[in-house]
Amino acid sequence: MEIGKFKDFDKALLAQLRAGRGTMRQLDTDASGLRALARALSTRGLMRRPMLPPRVIADRLQALAGEGLIRFNGDRWKAV
């Protein structure tokens, strides 16, 4: 995958976390706008099914946590 492919998605995800929406239930809604962005990113690869929006969101949460930009406190995700 391209490195910059997730730049806009990550920006939107961080904005949702800064607005206090830190649970998967809050993030995986049409109102958050993340579903639409995730659908655009979940393109079908050769012999692979597209990823569902919740999977894209979860993967990006883990990636951002690995970069030290967010933390999970046992209850919800928060921007650092």
Protein backbone atom coordinates (compact mmCIF):
# COMPACT_ATOMS: atom_id res chain seq x y z
CA MET A 1 0.00 0.00 0.00
CA GLU A 2 1.06 3.53 -0.61
CA ILE A 3 2.32 5.36 2.43
CA GLY A 4 0.19 8.46 1.82
CA LYS A 5 -2.91 6.42 1.02
CA PHE A 6 -4.25 6.79 4.55
CA LYS A 7 -3.28 10.43 5.15
CA ASP A 8 -6.79 11.87 4.77
CA PHE A 9 -8.38 8.96 6.62
CA ASP A 10 -5.97 9.30 9.54
CA LYS A 11 -6.62 13.04 9.69
CA ALA A 12 -10.39 12.44 9.86
CA LEU A 13 -9.93 9.68 12.45
CA LEU A 14 -7.81 11.92 14.67
CA ALA A 15 -10.42 14.68 14.37
CA GLN A 16 -13.11 12.27 15.58
CA LEU A 17 -10.96 11.23 18.54
CA ARG A 18 -10.23 14.86 19.46
CA ALA A 19 -13.99 15.54 19.34
CA GLY A 20 -14.47 12.89 22.04
CA ARG A 21 -15.64 10.00 19.86
CA GLY A 22 -13.29 7.25 20.96
CA THR A 23 -15.22 3.98 20.84
CA MET A 24 -15.66 1.76 17.80
CA ARG A 25 -19.41 2.23 18.07
CA GLN A 26 -18.97 5.99 17.76
CA LEU A 27 -16.35 5.78 15.02
CA ASP A 28 -18.11 3.20 12.86
CA THR A 29 -21.17 5.29 12.01
CA ASP A 30 -22.21 7.13 8.89
CA ALA A 31 -22.32 10.32 10.97
CA SER A 32 -18.57 10.16 11.67
CA GLY A 33 -17.81 10.11 7.94
CA LEU A 34 -15.23 7.39 8.47
CA ARG A 35 -17.32 4.66 6.85
CA ALA A 36 -17.39 6.47 3.51
CA LEU A 37 -13.66 7.11 3.65
CA ALA A 38 -13.00 3.49 4.63
CA ARG A 39 -15.08 2.19 1.72
CA ALA A 40 -12.96 4.23 -0.68
CA LEU A 41 -9.80 2.69 0.80
CA SER A 42 -11.01 -0.90 0.84
CA THR A 43 -10.44 -1.55 -2.85
CA ARG A 44 -10.41 -5.09 -4.04
CA GLY A 45 -6.93 -6.51 -4.59
CA LEU A 46 -6.00 -9.48 -6.71
CA MET A 47 -7.79 -12.50 -5.21
CA ARG A 48 -8.76 -10.56 -2.08
CA ARG A 49 -12.07 -9.35 -0.82
CA PRO A 50 -12.43 -5.69 0.06
CA MET A 51 -12.00 -4.90 3.75
CA LEU A 52 -15.11 -3.89 5.64
CA PRO A 53 -15.09 -0.34 7.08
CA PRO A 54 -14.81 -1.51 10.74
CA ARG A 55 -11.67 -3.46 9.83
CA VAL A 56 -10.12 -0.43 8.11
CA ILE A 57 -10.93 1.73 11.15
CA ALA A 58 -9.48 -0.85 13.56
CA ASP A 59 -6.32 -1.26 11.48
CA ARG A 60 -5.75 2.49 11.34
CA LEU A 61 -6.33 2.81 15.10
CA GLN A 62 -3.59 0.23 15.63
CA ALA A 63 -1.27 1.98 13.16
CA LEU A 64 -1.77 5.36 14.83
CA ALA A 65 -1.20 3.79 18.25
CA GLY A 66 2.02 2.28 16.94
CA GLU A 67 3.14 5.74 15.86
CA GLY A 68 2.37 7.07 19.35
CA LEU A 69 -0.35 9.44 18.15
CA ILE A 70 -3.21 7.81 20.07
CA ARG A 71 -3.69 5.56 23.10
CA PHE A 72 -6.32 3.11 24.26
CA ASN A 73 -7.11 3.51 27.95
CA GLY A 74 -9.07 0.28 28.31
CA ASP A 75 -12.35 1.99 27.54
CA ARG A 76 -11.80 4.26 24.55
CA TRP A 77 -9.21 5.65 22.14
CA LYS A 78 -7.78 9.11 22.79
CA ALA A 79 -5.46 11.37 20.83
CA VAL A 80 -2.18 12.02 22.64
